[in-house]
Amino acid sequence: MTRKSWLCGAVLTLLTACGVSGAGGAGGGGGGPPRENTAATLTLTGTRFFVEYRNGTIGTLPDGDVVLAALLADDKGYNSDIAVLRLDAKMSLKWVVRIDERDLPTHLVAGRDGALFLISGETYPGSLRVLKLDAATGAVRQAAEYTGFSPGRALPLDDGGLLLAGGNLLRVDAQLEPVWAKSIPATHVIAAGDAFIAAGVPLDSKSRMSGIGLTKVSADGQVAWKSFASPGPGNHSLSGLRLLADGSVMVGLGNNSTRSDNVAVLSPFVLATFDAQGQPRTMSRADLTQQVPTSTGTTEAPLQFGSGHSLVASGEDTWISFTANSGVLGSNVISQVLARFSSDGSLQEALYGGLQATAGPDGSTFSFTLNGPALTLLRLFPSGSGCVKSPTTAGLRRVEGKTEYAEGGAVQVSNISVTPRSLTRTATPLSATVALGCAAP
């Protein structure tokens, strides 16, 4: 069967009203002058966003509109409901709704027949919730919960169903009823010809370290191969993965480790590639620094202790977002970095560009960041000018990771029993204001 993919520590948000252009890369895409990046500040009426640096997710609809979902705060500052918003490419607001769902949203993705899927749930004890919304209005059409899974991401299928990456892999039909579920580590999943590639963060076969786990699986849940690559022990989290033109796979991995047996020690991010058969091919660590204030002036400090958040295909280029601790030794200041890579994995530019990202029209990329009660939405172009700053230095250095590989016959995968629970969720209209800035078009 064929299918389609449709299109806290303190947060250090480095935005400027008339910003500094990013470094590196070819100008503006297509050889012309750099395009201007734009920004908008979105403020909700009568409520505010929950202050948590991981809060929120962003997606793009087939017509180029952008959709956002973020957890709200109650009058005491605790989490309370989810706001979902739709804007056009010029950042004009179309609708805003409030939905009685009180866990962090992890994915927003368009499906068939005007559907918009919102993924949420609880990491512990473990539940994944799917809310099927009407993309034209934000109204809730259907909602279901699956216990034993965790909040993750969804790949819409052309039969109206979903492939859900929620710790393990779950396929549901257009009515959100389970088709099959397998013990395949997965927090992201993409289409690969007539099959899928799921990516998770499992342990290696000797349980020594976590890392990138890739599994190629057929539409009926049969495994072709399983692969693993890691920089070494540490706390790791996936930004995502994409299939390249030659069938190889690019994967972004956040890295949080001080251990000397981790080849990316003190680096916030690792970029890995696998060939078309799943064999680990290359691994590179990001080395970034920035100027930070001290009591006597400024000092050059590394960006380190990272976590991965999103990966966006933009033509042959790839945008990947991750966080990094970015202060003097012992600080807990978190920067949000958005980096652009070419198809061969070379770093083109790095920006302070928001936590989550999605593809926009005309070669742009949307990202956003929460700054207290307001949300700042950015539209960025390759080597674009204005609105954002860059780290002082940014580079990528090849390292030798730890790898494993197994063909399908040697891969042990078990079936998982799933009993969905139907939920009732209601969308209530909200109002908001959008203030454009940074030389908006």
Protein backbone atom coordinates (compact mmCIF):
# COMPACT_ATOMS: atom_id res chain seq x y z
CA MET A 1 0.00 0.00 0.00
CA THR A 2 1.30 3.46 -0.80
CA ARG A 3 1.09 6.40 1.53
CA LYS A 4 1.96 10.10 1.67
CA SER A 5 3.52 12.34 4.26
CA TRP A 6 1.63 15.64 4.33
CA LEU A 7 3.07 18.44 4.39
CA CYS A 8 13.28 24.73 33.15
CA GLY A 9 16.16 26.61 32.96
CA ALA A 10 15.79 30.14 31.79
CA VAL A 11 15.26 30.45 28.07
CA LEU A 12 17.77 32.66 26.28
CA THR A 13 15.89 34.10 23.31
CA LEU A 14 18.18 36.15 21.11
CA LEU A 15 15.96 38.10 18.73
CA THR A 16 16.48 41.63 17.49
CA ALA A 17 14.14 44.21 16.05
CA CYS A 18 16.47 44.85 13.12
CA GLY A 19 18.62 41.80 13.44
CA VAL A 20 22.02 40.49 12.49
CA SER A 21 22.23 38.20 9.48
CA GLY A 22 23.16 34.54 9.87
CA ALA A 23 26.60 33.25 8.89
CA GLY A 24 27.58 30.81 6.16
CA GLY A 25 25.78 29.24 3.25
CA ALA A 26 24.81 30.45 -0.18
CA GLY A 27 22.84 33.67 -0.39
CA GLY A 28 19.09 33.39 -0.19
CA GLY A 29 18.71 30.21 -2.22
CA GLY A 30 18.98 30.43 -6.02
CA GLY A 31 21.96 32.81 -6.08
CA GLY A 32 20.00 36.06 -5.61
CA PRO A 33 20.29 38.52 -2.73
CA PRO A 34 19.41 37.15 0.72
CA ARG A 35 15.71 37.18 1.58
CA GLU A 36 14.58 39.05 4.68
CA ASN A 37 13.58 36.97 7.66
CA THR A 38 10.37 38.11 9.33
CA ALA A 39 8.85 37.76 12.77
CA ALA A 40 5.57 38.18 14.62
CA THR A 41 4.70 38.25 18.31
CA LEU A 42 1.48 36.45 19.14
CA THR A 43 -0.37 37.26 22.38
CA LEU A 44 -3.54 35.51 23.52
CA THR A 45 -6.47 37.50 24.93
CA GLY A 46 -7.44 36.63 28.49
CA THR A 47 -4.92 33.82 28.90
CA ARG A 48 -1.22 33.06 28.46
CA PHE A 49 1.11 30.29 27.40
CA PHE A 50 2.55 27.86 29.93
CA VAL A 51 6.20 28.77 30.57
CA GLU A 52 8.25 25.66 29.73
CA TYR A 53 10.99 25.74 27.10
CA ARG A 54 9.78 22.50 25.43
CA ASN A 55 6.20 23.75 25.17
CA GLY A 56 4.62 23.67 21.74
CA THR A 57 4.71 22.19 18.27
CA ILE A 58 4.30 23.58 14.75
CA GLY A 59 3.21 22.22 11.38
CA THR A 60 2.38 23.26 7.82
CA LEU A 61 -0.84 22.63 5.91
CA PRO A 62 -0.91 21.72 2.19
CA ASP A 63 -1.92 25.29 1.24
CA GLY A 64 1.12 26.79 3.02
CA ASP A 65 -0.68 27.92 6.17
CA VAL A 66 1.07 27.29 9.46
CA VAL A 67 -0.53 25.70 12.56
CA LEU A 68 0.71 25.93 16.14
CA ALA A 69 -0.24 24.17 19.36
CA ALA A 70 1.02 25.06 22.83
CA LEU A 71 -0.01 24.39 26.41
CA LEU A 72 -1.73 27.23 28.27
CA ALA A 73 -1.30 28.29 31.90
CA ASP A 74 -3.99 28.79 34.51
CA ASP A 75 -4.14 31.82 36.80
CA LYS A 76 -1.48 30.25 39.07
CA GLY A 77 0.90 29.49 36.21
CA TYR A 78 0.22 25.74 36.03
CA ASN A 79 -0.60 23.85 32.84
CA SER A 80 -4.20 24.25 31.67
CA ASP A 81 -5.56 23.23 28.23
CA ILE A 82 -3.98 23.52 24.76
CA ALA A 83 -4.29 26.46 22.36
CA VAL A 84 -4.27 25.60 18.64
CA LEU A 85 -3.81 28.37 16.07
CA ARG A 86 -3.84 28.68 12.29
CA LEU A 87 -2.08 31.51 10.43
CA ASP A 88 -1.38 32.16 6.77
CA ALA A 89 2.13 32.50 5.32
CA LYS A 90 2.13 36.25 6.06
CA MET A 91 1.35 35.48 9.72
CA SER A 92 -2.24 36.74 9.63
CA LEU A 93 -4.38 34.86 12.13
CA LYS A 94 -7.25 32.70 10.79
CA TRP A 95 -8.53 31.03 13.96
CA VAL A 96 -7.57 30.19 17.55
CA VAL A 97 -9.22 27.57 19.75
CA ARG A 98 -8.76 26.27 23.28
CA ILE A 99 -9.05 22.48 23.77
CA ASP A 100 -9.50 20.75 27.14
CA GLU A 101 -6.31 18.65 26.85
CA ARG A 102 -3.72 19.31 29.58
CA ASP A 103 -0.50 17.64 28.47
CA LEU A 104 2.27 18.99 26.26
CA PRO A 105 1.44 18.72 22.54
CA THR A 106 4.16 16.88 20.62
CA HIS A 107 3.00 16.96 16.99
CA LEU A 108 0.57 18.72 14.64
CA VAL A 109 0.21 17.22 11.17
CA ALA A 110 -2.30 17.50 8.32
CA GLY A 111 -4.20 14.42 7.17
CA ARG A 112 -6.72 13.63 4.46
CA ASP A 113 -10.10 15.31 3.93
CA GLY A 114 -9.28 18.49 5.83
CA ALA A 115 -8.16 16.72 9.00
CA LEU A 116 -5.55 18.10 11.38
CA PHE A 117 -4.09 15.64 13.90
CA LEU A 118 -2.90 16.84 17.30
CA ILE A 119 -0.73 14.40 19.30
CA SER A 120 -0.40 14.66 23.08
CA GLY A 121 -0.26 12.36 26.11
CA GLU A 122 1.61 11.46 29.28
CA THR A 123 5.16 10.12 29.42
CA TYR A 124 4.48 8.42 32.76
CA PRO A 125 2.70 6.07 33.31
CA GLY A 126 2.38 6.22 29.53
CA SER A 127 -0.44 7.28 27.21
CA LEU A 128 -0.67 8.63 23.68
CA ARG A 129 -3.67 10.74 22.64
CA VAL A 130 -4.77 11.56 19.11
CA LEU A 131 -7.16 14.47 18.53
CA LYS A 132 -8.55 14.69 15.01
CA LEU A 133 -9.43 18.34 14.32
CA ASP A 134 -11.14 20.13 11.45
CA ALA A 135 -8.33 22.14 9.83
CA ALA A 136 -10.83 24.77 8.60
CA THR A 137 -12.17 25.64 12.06
CA GLY A 138 -10.19 23.83 14.79
CA ALA A 139 -13.26 21.87 15.93
CA VAL A 140 -12.60 18.41 17.39
CA ARG A 141 -13.95 15.61 15.16
CA GLN A 142 -12.69 12.64 17.21
CA ALA A 143 -10.30 11.84 20.06
CA ALA A 144 -8.73 8.59 21.25
CA GLU A 145 -6.19 7.44 23.83
CA TYR A 146 -3.78 4.48 23.72
CA THR A 147 -2.21 3.35 26.99
CA GLY A 148 1.22 1.77 27.11
CA PHE A 149 2.60 4.25 24.59
CA SER A 150 4.09 7.71 25.06
CA PRO A 151 3.43 11.06 23.35
CA GLY A 152 5.30 11.19 20.04
CA ARG A 153 4.66 11.87 16.37
CA ALA A 154 2.34 10.71 13.60
CA LEU A 155 2.70 9.92 9.89
CA PRO A 156 -0.64 10.28 8.05
CA LEU A 157 -1.37 7.48 5.59
CA ASP A 158 -3.34 7.74 2.36
CA ASP A 159 -6.06 5.43 3.72
CA GLY A 160 -6.89 8.13 6.29
CA GLY A 161 -5.13 6.32 9.12
CA LEU A 162 -1.91 7.06 10.97
CA LEU A 163 1.39 5.43 11.82
CA LEU A 164 2.09 6.53 15.39
CA ALA A 165 5.60 6.70 16.85
CA GLY A 166 4.91 6.65 20.58
CA GLY A 167 7.85 4.83 22.14
CA ASN A 168 6.84 1.80 20.06
CA LEU A 169 5.15 1.73 16.65
CA LEU A 170 1.35 1.66 16.26
CA ARG A 171 -0.71 1.73 13.07
CA VAL A 172 -4.36 2.89 13.28
CA ASP A 173 -7.05 3.15 10.60
CA ALA A 174 -9.19 6.14 9.62
CA GLN A 175 -11.44 5.52 12.65
CA LEU A 176 -8.35 5.52 14.92
CA GLU A 177 -8.76 1.78 15.58
CA PRO A 178 -5.52 -0.26 15.93
CA VAL A 179 -4.36 -2.25 12.87
CA TRP A 180 -1.12 -3.52 14.41
CA ALA A 181 1.38 -2.54 17.10
CA LYS A 182 5.02 -3.68 17.35
CA SER A 183 7.84 -3.37 19.89
CA ILE A 184 9.87 -1.16 17.55
CA PRO A 185 11.59 1.84 19.24
CA ALA A 186 10.07 4.92 17.66
CA THR A 187 9.64 8.60 18.39
CA HIS A 188 9.66 9.57 14.67
CA VAL A 189 8.65 7.75 11.48
CA ILE A 190 8.89 8.56 7.76
CA ALA A 191 7.79 6.92 4.52
CA ALA A 192 10.49 5.13 2.48
CA GLY A 193 9.08 3.84 -0.80
CA ASP A 194 6.60 1.07 0.02
CA ALA A 195 7.84 0.85 3.61
CA PHE A 196 8.60 3.05 6.62
CA ILE A 197 11.67 3.94 8.64
CA ALA A 198 11.07 4.40 12.36
CA ALA A 199 13.58 6.15 14.61
CA GLY A 200 13.86 5.96 18.38
CA VAL A 201 16.44 6.25 21.16
CA PRO A 202 16.96 2.66 22.40
CA LEU A 203 19.90 1.09 24.22
CA ASP A 204 22.48 -0.88 22.23
CA SER A 205 22.45 -4.67 22.42
CA LYS A 206 24.62 -4.71 25.56
CA SER A 207 22.59 -1.96 27.29
CA ARG A 208 25.68 0.24 27.62
CA MET A 209 24.41 3.39 25.93
CA SER A 210 21.45 4.95 24.17
CA GLY A 211 21.61 6.32 20.65
CA ILE A 212 19.90 6.43 17.27
CA GLY A 213 17.87 3.29 16.59
CA LEU A 214 16.52 2.91 13.03
CA THR A 215 14.14 0.16 11.91
CA LYS A 216 12.82 -0.37 8.38
CA VAL A 217 9.34 -1.87 8.55
CA SER A 218 6.74 -2.81 5.93
CA ALA A 219 3.14 -1.60 5.79
CA ASP A 220 2.04 -4.74 7.65
CA GLY A 221 4.73 -4.44 10.35
CA GLN A 222 7.44 -6.80 9.04
CA VAL A 223 11.03 -5.73 9.79
CA ALA A 224 13.65 -5.57 7.00
CA TRP A 225 16.60 -4.33 9.09
CA LYS A 226 17.54 -2.64 12.34
CA SER A 227 20.46 -0.25 12.87
CA PHE A 228 22.05 1.62 15.77
CA ALA A 229 24.59 4.45 16.09
CA SER A 230 25.65 6.42 19.16
CA PRO A 231 28.36 8.90 20.18
CA GLY A 232 28.52 7.08 23.53
CA PRO A 233 26.82 7.20 26.94
CA GLY A 234 24.68 10.24 27.74
CA ASN A 235 21.13 11.56 27.54
CA HIS A 236 20.04 11.61 23.90
CA SER A 237 16.91 12.82 22.08
CA LEU A 238 16.00 12.79 18.41
CA SER A 239 15.34 15.89 16.33
CA GLY A 240 14.06 13.70 13.51
CA LEU A 241 15.11 12.04 10.27
CA ARG A 242 14.72 12.43 6.51
CA LEU A 243 15.20 10.29 3.44
CA LEU A 244 17.72 11.73 0.98
CA ALA A 245 17.59 11.45 -2.82
CA ASP A 246 19.98 8.47 -2.95
CA GLY A 247 17.95 6.51 -0.38
CA SER A 248 20.28 7.30 2.52
CA VAL A 249 18.92 8.62 5.82
CA MET A 250 19.97 11.73 7.76
CA VAL A 251 19.28 11.82 11.52
CA GLY A 252 19.74 14.57 14.09
CA LEU A 253 20.47 13.62 17.72
CA GLY A 254 20.63 15.88 20.76
CA ASN A 255 23.57 14.97 23.02
CA ASN A 256 23.86 15.71 26.74
CA SER A 257 27.02 14.11 28.13
CA THR A 258 30.13 14.95 30.13
CA ARG A 259 31.61 11.45 29.83
CA SER A 260 35.01 11.04 28.23
CA ASP A 261 33.89 7.84 26.47
CA ASN A 262 31.34 9.88 24.51
CA VAL A 263 33.00 11.09 21.28
CA ALA A 264 30.68 14.13 21.29
CA VAL A 265 31.38 15.01 24.93
CA LEU A 266 30.12 18.55 25.74
CA SER A 267 28.69 18.92 22.23
CA PRO A 268 24.92 19.62 22.14
CA PHE A 269 24.22 17.87 18.88
CA VAL A 270 25.24 15.01 16.59
CA LEU A 271 24.41 14.52 12.90
CA ALA A 272 24.48 10.93 11.59
CA THR A 273 23.84 9.34 8.21
CA PHE A 274 22.93 5.77 7.23
CA ASP A 275 23.07 4.26 3.75
CA ALA A 276 20.01 2.97 1.87
CA GLN A 277 20.38 -0.49 3.49
CA GLY A 278 20.53 1.02 6.98
CA GLN A 279 24.26 0.62 7.58
CA PRO A 280 25.68 3.48 9.73
CA ARG A 281 27.83 5.66 7.49
CA THR A 282 28.98 8.92 9.14
CA MET A 283 28.69 10.79 12.44
CA SER A 284 29.65 14.41 13.14
CA ARG A 285 29.50 16.53 16.29
CA ALA A 286 28.52 20.20 16.41
CA ASP A 287 31.03 22.61 17.94
CA LEU A 288 29.48 26.02 18.69
CA THR A 289 30.40 28.95 20.92
CA GLN A 290 28.98 32.35 21.78
CA GLN A 291 29.89 35.49 23.68
CA VAL A 292 28.22 35.64 27.10
CA PRO A 293 28.32 38.43 29.70
CA THR A 294 30.42 38.08 32.86
CA SER A 295 31.03 40.33 35.86
CA THR A 296 34.09 41.74 34.10
CA GLY A 297 32.80 41.92 30.52
CA THR A 298 32.25 38.98 28.19
CA THR A 299 33.78 35.59 27.57
CA GLU A 300 33.64 32.97 24.83
CA ALA A 301 31.52 30.05 26.10
CA PRO A 302 30.66 26.76 24.39
CA LEU A 303 27.13 25.73 23.50
CA GLN A 304 26.77 22.34 25.16
CA PHE A 305 24.45 19.85 26.95
CA GLY A 306 21.85 19.59 24.22
CA SER A 307 18.55 17.99 23.26
CA GLY A 308 17.04 17.53 19.80
CA HIS A 309 13.61 18.85 18.81
CA SER A 310 12.73 19.04 15.10
CA LEU A 311 14.06 18.31 11.62
CA VAL A 312 12.74 20.04 8.49
CA ALA A 313 13.41 19.15 4.86
CA SER A 314 13.80 22.29 2.73
CA GLY A 315 14.69 21.24 -0.80
CA GLU A 316 18.12 19.63 -0.67
CA ASP A 317 18.88 21.38 2.62
CA THR A 318 17.82 20.29 6.10
CA TRP A 319 17.01 22.53 9.08
CA ILE A 320 17.47 20.93 12.50
CA SER A 321 16.57 22.53 15.84
CA PHE A 322 18.09 21.69 19.21
CA THR A 323 18.70 23.26 22.61
CA ALA A 324 22.04 23.88 24.27
CA ASN A 325 23.21 25.08 27.66
CA SER A 326 25.04 28.26 26.80
CA GLY A 327 26.59 30.13 29.64
CA VAL A 328 29.68 30.17 31.77
CA LEU A 329 30.51 26.93 33.59
CA GLY A 330 27.73 25.89 35.95
CA SER A 331 25.03 28.06 34.39
CA ASN A 332 21.60 26.81 33.37
CA VAL A 333 20.75 29.09 30.45
CA ILE A 334 19.18 27.31 27.50
CA SER A 335 19.61 28.56 23.94
CA GLN A 336 17.45 27.42 21.05
CA VAL A 337 19.52 26.74 17.94
CA LEU A 338 18.29 26.19 14.39
CA ALA A 339 21.02 24.92 12.04
CA ARG A 340 20.95 24.36 8.27
CA PHE A 341 22.79 21.45 6.65
CA SER A 342 23.39 20.62 2.99
CA SER A 343 22.59 17.18 1.54
CA ASP A 344 26.16 15.99 2.20
CA GLY A 345 25.78 16.85 5.90
CA SER A 346 27.95 19.98 5.94
CA LEU A 347 26.85 22.82 8.21
CA GLN A 348 25.71 25.93 6.32
CA GLU A 349 24.59 28.23 9.13
CA ALA A 350 23.40 28.22 12.73
CA LEU A 351 20.89 30.67 14.19
CA TYR A 352 19.07 31.35 17.44
CA GLY A 353 15.90 30.47 15.62
CA GLY A 354 13.38 28.75 17.86
CA LEU A 355 12.72 25.36 19.39
CA GLN A 356 10.35 23.77 16.85
CA ALA A 357 10.37 24.23 13.08
CA THR A 358 8.39 23.32 9.97
CA ALA A 359 8.68 23.90 6.22
CA GLY A 360 7.10 27.08 4.82
CA PRO A 361 6.39 28.29 1.27
CA ASP A 362 9.02 29.72 -1.12
CA GLY A 363 11.88 27.82 0.52
CA SER A 364 11.28 29.33 3.96
CA THR A 365 11.17 27.64 7.34
CA PHE A 366 8.84 28.60 10.21
CA SER A 367 9.98 28.30 13.80
CA PHE A 368 8.85 29.72 17.11
CA THR A 369 9.93 30.36 20.65
CA LEU A 370 8.02 31.15 23.84
CA ASN A 371 9.15 34.21 25.75
CA GLY A 372 7.05 34.39 28.90
CA PRO A 373 3.33 34.71 28.07
CA ALA A 374 3.90 35.57 24.38
CA LEU A 375 4.95 33.46 21.40
CA THR A 376 7.39 34.69 18.76
CA LEU A 377 6.94 33.17 15.31
CA LEU A 378 9.80 33.42 12.80
CA ARG A 379 9.85 32.89 9.05
CA LEU A 380 13.44 32.23 8.01
CA PHE A 381 15.14 31.91 4.62
CA PRO A 382 18.47 30.21 3.81
CA SER A 383 21.15 32.80 4.67
CA GLY A 384 18.33 35.28 5.25
CA SER A 385 18.93 38.75 6.66
CA GLY A 386 17.48 40.30 9.79
CA CYS A 387 15.59 39.20 12.93
CA VAL A 388 17.99 36.61 14.35
CA LYS A 389 21.54 36.37 15.60
CA SER A 390 24.06 33.58 15.20
CA PRO A 391 26.44 31.84 17.59
CA THR A 392 29.92 33.34 17.56
CA THR A 393 31.34 30.23 15.88
CA ALA A 394 29.69 27.11 14.47
CA GLY A 395 31.22 24.02 12.93
CA LEU A 396 30.77 20.31 12.42
CA ARG A 397 33.55 17.79 13.08
CA ARG A 398 33.56 14.14 12.01
CA VAL A 399 33.74 11.58 14.84
CA GLU A 400 33.70 7.79 15.04
CA GLY A 401 30.54 6.58 16.75
CA LYS A 402 29.57 3.16 18.13
CA THR A 403 27.42 1.20 15.68
CA GLU A 404 25.44 -2.04 15.25
CA TYR A 405 23.39 -3.54 12.43
CA ALA A 406 21.09 -6.56 11.98
CA GLU A 407 19.04 -7.96 9.10
CA GLY A 408 15.32 -8.58 9.59
CA GLY A 409 15.64 -12.29 10.34
CA ALA A 410 17.86 -11.54 13.33
CA VAL A 411 15.63 -8.79 14.74
CA GLN A 412 13.33 -9.74 17.61
CA VAL A 413 10.05 -7.80 17.47
CA SER A 414 6.94 -8.69 19.46
CA ASN A 415 3.30 -7.77 18.95
CA ILE A 416 1.69 -5.35 21.39
CA SER A 417 -1.94 -5.60 22.44
CA VAL A 418 -3.73 -2.23 22.25
CA THR A 419 -7.18 -1.25 23.52
CA PRO A 420 -8.06 2.32 22.55
CA ARG A 421 -10.30 4.52 24.68
CA SER A 422 -12.63 7.05 23.09
CA LEU A 423 -12.34 10.57 24.55
CA THR A 424 -14.52 13.67 24.54
CA ARG A 425 -12.70 16.91 23.82
CA THR A 426 -14.17 20.34 23.03
CA ALA A 427 -12.67 23.27 21.12
CA THR A 428 -13.66 26.75 22.37
CA PRO A 429 -12.87 29.89 20.33
CA LEU A 430 -10.16 32.20 21.64
CA SER A 431 -8.93 35.57 20.42
CA ALA A 432 -5.37 36.76 19.94
CA THR A 433 -3.33 39.60 18.51
CA VAL A 434 -0.40 39.34 16.11
CA ALA A 435 2.21 42.13 16.04
CA LEU A 436 4.49 41.98 13.01
CA GLY A 437 8.12 43.08 13.21
CA CYS A 438 11.59 42.63 11.73
CA ALA A 439 10.86 44.19 8.32
CA ALA A 440 7.75 42.07 7.76
CA PRO A 441 6.62 41.95 4.09
